[in-house]
Amino acid sequence: MIGVGNDLRGDDAAGLCVARALVDLANVRELHGEPVGLIDAWDGFERAILVDAIQSGAEPGTVLRFAADEAPLPPELHRSSTHLLGVAEAVELARALGKLPPLTVLYGIEGASFDTGAPLSPEVEAAVGEVAARIREELADA
């Protein structure tokens, strides 16, 4: 499981917070840099579960799950990122290069505020716990 984000940009820390909630599991990582680093982070793994804050137009705190190994990620995930290359673009680049793990899931948590220095919004904080529980359940069923 890889949590992506930036602790200094409000709700952008959502993926990192989920990773910290799952720190007792094997192979949990945080990615603070550019999401293109995902391609190296999941190299050699058969399964990748990613978590990142998104801006898709949904209500803050909304959790969306995408089976990225089954279909390209929706266009609304490509339109906004606090990174030079977003998670959606990194996933699609990995797909094009043949480097996407056979089982790849993206959990997106709709953010409310990405302001520098802002804390997590209450909606996103609640969603962090929900996503952590869903990932535990998903891994238990595997």
C-alpha atoms as a PDB file:
ATOM      1  CA  MET A   1       0.000   0.000   0.000  1.00  0.00           C
ATOM      2  CA  ILE A   2       1.361   3.395  -0.947  1.00  0.00           C
ATOM      3  CA  GLY A   3       0.007   6.650   0.455  1.00  0.00           C
ATOM      4  CA  VAL A   4       0.773   9.665  -1.712  1.00  0.00           C
ATOM      5  CA  GLY A   5       0.670  13.265  -0.588  1.00  0.00           C
ATOM      6  CA  ASN A   6       2.108  16.364   0.980  1.00  0.00           C
ATOM      7  CA  ASP A   7       1.817  17.011   4.732  1.00  0.00           C
ATOM      8  CA  LEU A   8       2.075  20.752   4.148  1.00  0.00           C
ATOM      9  CA  ARG A   9      -0.938  21.120   1.829  1.00  0.00           C
ATOM     10  CA  GLY A  10      -4.064  20.409   3.901  1.00  0.00           C
ATOM     11  CA  ASP A  11      -6.127  17.551   2.508  1.00  0.00           C
ATOM     12  CA  ASP A  12      -3.286  16.540   0.189  1.00  0.00           C
ATOM     13  CA  ALA A  13      -1.943  14.613   3.217  1.00  0.00           C
ATOM     14  CA  ALA A  14      -4.884  12.150   3.090  1.00  0.00           C
ATOM     15  CA  GLY A  15      -2.927   9.338   1.427  1.00  0.00           C
ATOM     16  CA  LEU A  16      -0.067   9.732   3.893  1.00  0.00           C
ATOM     17  CA  CYS A  17      -2.503   9.587   6.807  1.00  0.00           C
ATOM     18  CA  VAL A  18      -3.994   6.329   5.502  1.00  0.00           C
ATOM     19  CA  ALA A  19      -0.485   4.853   5.191  1.00  0.00           C
ATOM     20  CA  ARG A  20       0.234   5.841   8.801  1.00  0.00           C
ATOM     21  CA  ALA A  21      -3.015   4.213   9.925  1.00  0.00           C
ATOM     22  CA  LEU A  22      -1.876   0.979   8.245  1.00  0.00           C
ATOM     23  CA  VAL A  23       1.760   1.078   9.355  1.00  0.00           C
ATOM     24  CA  ASP A  24       1.371  -2.317  11.066  1.00  0.00           C
ATOM     25  CA  LEU A  25       0.826  -4.009   7.694  1.00  0.00           C
ATOM     26  CA  ALA A  26       3.684  -5.258   5.552  1.00  0.00           C
ATOM     27  CA  ASN A  27       4.910  -3.140   2.638  1.00  0.00           C
ATOM     28  CA  VAL A  28       3.232   0.144   3.569  1.00  0.00           C
ATOM     29  CA  ARG A  29       5.019   3.144   2.106  1.00  0.00           C
ATOM     30  CA  GLU A  30       4.640   6.900   1.935  1.00  0.00           C
ATOM     31  CA  LEU A  31       5.461   8.812  -1.225  1.00  0.00           C
ATOM     32  CA  HIS A  32       6.104  12.491  -0.602  1.00  0.00           C
ATOM     33  CA  GLY A  33       7.713  13.331  -3.925  1.00  0.00           C
ATOM     34  CA  GLU A  34       6.530  13.211  -7.459  1.00  0.00           C
ATOM     35  CA  PRO A  35       4.060  10.368  -8.168  1.00  0.00           C
ATOM     36  CA  VAL A  36       6.177   9.137 -11.077  1.00  0.00           C
ATOM     37  CA  GLY A  37       8.206   7.539  -8.252  1.00  0.00           C
ATOM     38  CA  LEU A  38       5.326   5.064  -7.923  1.00  0.00           C
ATOM     39  CA  ILE A  39       6.673   3.134 -10.890  1.00  0.00           C
ATOM     40  CA  ASP A  40       9.838   2.291  -8.949  1.00  0.00           C
ATOM     41  CA  ALA A  41       8.009   1.870  -5.616  1.00  0.00           C
ATOM     42  CA  TRP A  42       5.773  -0.941  -6.871  1.00  0.00           C
ATOM     43  CA  ASP A  43       8.381  -2.628  -9.069  1.00  0.00           C
ATOM     44  CA  GLY A  44       8.297  -6.373  -8.477  1.00  0.00           C
ATOM     45  CA  PHE A  45       4.949  -6.355  -6.672  1.00  0.00           C
ATOM     46  CA  GLU A  46       1.903  -8.222  -7.972  1.00  0.00           C
ATOM     47  CA  ARG A  47      -0.508  -5.890  -6.133  1.00  0.00           C
ATOM     48  CA  ALA A  48      -0.464  -2.148  -5.530  1.00  0.00           C
ATOM     49  CA  ILE A  49      -3.011  -0.209  -3.524  1.00  0.00           C
ATOM     50  CA  LEU A  50      -2.608   3.552  -3.840  1.00  0.00           C
ATOM     51  CA  VAL A  51      -4.297   6.265  -1.820  1.00  0.00           C
ATOM     52  CA  ASP A  52      -4.274   9.942  -2.770  1.00  0.00           C
ATOM     53  CA  ALA A  53      -6.347  13.054  -2.319  1.00  0.00           C
ATOM     54  CA  ILE A  54      -8.303  13.959  -5.438  1.00  0.00           C
ATOM     55  CA  GLN A  55     -10.289  16.852  -6.853  1.00  0.00           C
ATOM     56  CA  SER A  56     -12.983  15.282  -9.006  1.00  0.00           C
ATOM     57  CA  GLY A  57     -15.853  17.599  -8.168  1.00  0.00           C
ATOM     58  CA  ALA A  58     -17.451  15.254  -5.614  1.00  0.00           C
ATOM     59  CA  GLU A  59     -18.334  16.289  -2.068  1.00  0.00           C
ATOM     60  CA  PRO A  60     -15.322  16.588   0.284  1.00  0.00           C
ATOM     61  CA  GLY A  61     -14.602  13.301   2.023  1.00  0.00           C
ATOM     62  CA  THR A  62     -16.118  11.201  -0.766  1.00  0.00           C
ATOM     63  CA  VAL A  63     -14.165   7.979  -1.270  1.00  0.00           C
ATOM     64  CA  LEU A  64     -13.799   6.638  -4.794  1.00  0.00           C
ATOM     65  CA  ARG A  65     -12.234   3.273  -5.634  1.00  0.00           C
ATOM     66  CA  PHE A  66     -10.817   2.529  -9.069  1.00  0.00           C
ATOM     67  CA  ALA A  67      -9.538  -0.829 -10.339  1.00  0.00           C
ATOM     68  CA  ALA A  68      -6.730   0.752 -12.337  1.00  0.00           C
ATOM     69  CA  ASP A  69      -5.583  -2.619 -13.645  1.00  0.00           C
ATOM     70  CA  GLU A  70      -8.944  -3.157 -15.366  1.00  0.00           C
ATOM     71  CA  ALA A  71      -9.442   0.174 -17.129  1.00  0.00           C
ATOM     72  CA  PRO A  72      -7.826   3.586 -17.594  1.00  0.00           C
ATOM     73  CA  LEU A  73      -8.515   6.045 -14.821  1.00  0.00           C
ATOM     74  CA  PRO A  74     -11.304   8.541 -15.524  1.00  0.00           C
ATOM     75  CA  PRO A  75     -10.399  11.875 -17.125  1.00  0.00           C
ATOM     76  CA  GLU A  76     -11.537  13.924 -14.098  1.00  0.00           C
ATOM     77  CA  LEU A  77      -8.608  12.508 -12.130  1.00  0.00           C
ATOM     78  CA  HIS A  78      -6.128  13.934 -14.631  1.00  0.00           C
ATOM     79  CA  ARG A  79      -7.173  17.543 -14.378  1.00  0.00           C
ATOM     80  CA  SER A  80      -5.690  18.644 -11.082  1.00  0.00           C
ATOM     81  CA  SER A  81      -2.704  17.795  -8.937  1.00  0.00           C
ATOM     82  CA  THR A  82      -0.341  19.546  -6.562  1.00  0.00           C
ATOM     83  CA  HIS A  83       2.416  17.547  -8.286  1.00  0.00           C
ATOM     84  CA  LEU A  84       4.077  18.086 -11.658  1.00  0.00           C
ATOM     85  CA  LEU A  85       2.767  14.674 -12.724  1.00  0.00           C
ATOM     86  CA  GLY A  86      -0.274  13.393 -10.839  1.00  0.00           C
ATOM     87  CA  VAL A  87      -1.025   9.874  -9.614  1.00  0.00           C
ATOM     88  CA  ALA A  88      -3.448   9.264 -12.488  1.00  0.00           C
ATOM     89  CA  GLU A  89      -0.807  10.241 -15.023  1.00  0.00           C
ATOM     90  CA  ALA A  90       1.794   8.044 -13.281  1.00  0.00           C
ATOM     91  CA  VAL A  91      -0.585   5.070 -13.386  1.00  0.00           C
ATOM     92  CA  GLU A  92      -1.285   5.600 -17.072  1.00  0.00           C
ATOM     93  CA  LEU A  93       2.421   6.049 -17.836  1.00  0.00           C
ATOM     94  CA  ALA A  94       3.128   2.752 -16.043  1.00  0.00           C
ATOM     95  CA  ARG A  95       0.346   1.098 -18.058  1.00  0.00           C
ATOM     96  CA  ALA A  96       1.880   2.358 -21.320  1.00  0.00           C
ATOM     97  CA  LEU A  97       5.338   1.133 -20.267  1.00  0.00           C
ATOM     98  CA  GLY A  98       4.028  -2.277 -19.197  1.00  0.00           C
ATOM     99  CA  LYS A  99       5.028  -1.594 -15.576  1.00  0.00           C
ATOM    100  CA  LEU A 100       1.600  -1.521 -13.903  1.00  0.00           C
ATOM    101  CA  PRO A 101       1.205  -4.302 -11.303  1.00  0.00           C
ATOM    102  CA  PRO A 102      -1.371  -6.933 -12.342  1.00  0.00           C
ATOM    103  CA  LEU A 103      -3.631  -5.846  -9.455  1.00  0.00           C
ATOM    104  CA  THR A 104      -3.656  -2.075  -9.039  1.00  0.00           C
ATOM    105  CA  VAL A 105      -6.271  -0.187  -7.052  1.00  0.00           C
ATOM    106  CA  LEU A 106      -6.516   3.547  -6.450  1.00  0.00           C
ATOM    107  CA  TYR A 107      -8.524   4.951  -3.566  1.00  0.00           C
ATOM    108  CA  GLY A 108      -9.184   8.644  -4.040  1.00  0.00           C
ATOM    109  CA  ILE A 109     -10.362  10.832  -1.180  1.00  0.00           C
ATOM    110  CA  GLU A 110     -12.046  14.024  -2.333  1.00  0.00           C
ATOM    111  CA  GLY A 111     -10.275  16.969  -0.736  1.00  0.00           C
ATOM    112  CA  ALA A 112     -11.736  20.261   0.400  1.00  0.00           C
ATOM    113  CA  SER A 113      -8.662  22.423   0.999  1.00  0.00           C
ATOM    114  CA  PHE A 114      -5.147  22.134  -0.361  1.00  0.00           C
ATOM    115  CA  ASP A 115      -3.928  25.394   1.161  1.00  0.00           C
ATOM    116  CA  THR A 116      -0.369  25.501   2.463  1.00  0.00           C
ATOM    117  CA  GLY A 117      -0.299  24.915   6.207  1.00  0.00           C
ATOM    118  CA  ALA A 118      -3.959  23.899   6.463  1.00  0.00           C
ATOM    119  CA  PRO A 119      -4.925  20.866   8.552  1.00  0.00           C
ATOM    120  CA  LEU A 120      -6.996  17.978   7.205  1.00  0.00           C
ATOM    121  CA  SER A 121     -10.626  18.974   6.800  1.00  0.00           C
ATOM    122  CA  PRO A 122     -13.047  17.061   9.082  1.00  0.00           C
ATOM    123  CA  GLU A 123     -14.593  15.291   6.060  1.00  0.00           C
ATOM    124  CA  VAL A 124     -11.220  14.037   4.851  1.00  0.00           C
ATOM    125  CA  GLU A 125     -10.140  13.033   8.345  1.00  0.00           C
ATOM    126  CA  ALA A 126     -13.245  10.824   8.610  1.00  0.00           C
ATOM    127  CA  ALA A 127     -12.577   9.371   5.147  1.00  0.00           C
ATOM    128  CA  VAL A 128      -9.019   8.414   6.146  1.00  0.00           C
ATOM    129  CA  GLY A 129     -10.406   5.979   8.725  1.00  0.00           C
ATOM    130  CA  GLU A 130     -12.936   4.615   6.240  1.00  0.00           C
ATOM    131  CA  VAL A 131     -10.286   3.962   3.587  1.00  0.00           C
ATOM    132  CA  ALA A 132      -7.920   2.329   6.084  1.00  0.00           C
ATOM    133  CA  ALA A 133     -10.732  -0.035   7.151  1.00  0.00           C
ATOM    134  CA  ARG A 134     -11.647  -0.825   3.540  1.00  0.00           C
ATOM    135  CA  ILE A 135      -8.024  -1.627   2.684  1.00  0.00           C
ATOM    136  CA  ARG A 136      -7.694  -3.920   5.715  1.00  0.00           C
ATOM    137  CA  GLU A 137     -10.856  -5.722   4.596  1.00  0.00           C
ATOM    138  CA  GLU A 138      -9.674  -5.922   0.991  1.00  0.00           C
ATOM    139  CA  LEU A 139      -6.332  -7.418   2.024  1.00  0.00           C
ATOM    140  CA  ALA A 140      -7.985  -9.882   4.411  1.00  0.00           C
ATOM    141  CA  ASP A 141     -10.176 -11.132   1.556  1.00  0.00           C
ATOM    142  CA  ALA A 142      -7.215 -11.566  -0.800  1.00  0.00           C
END
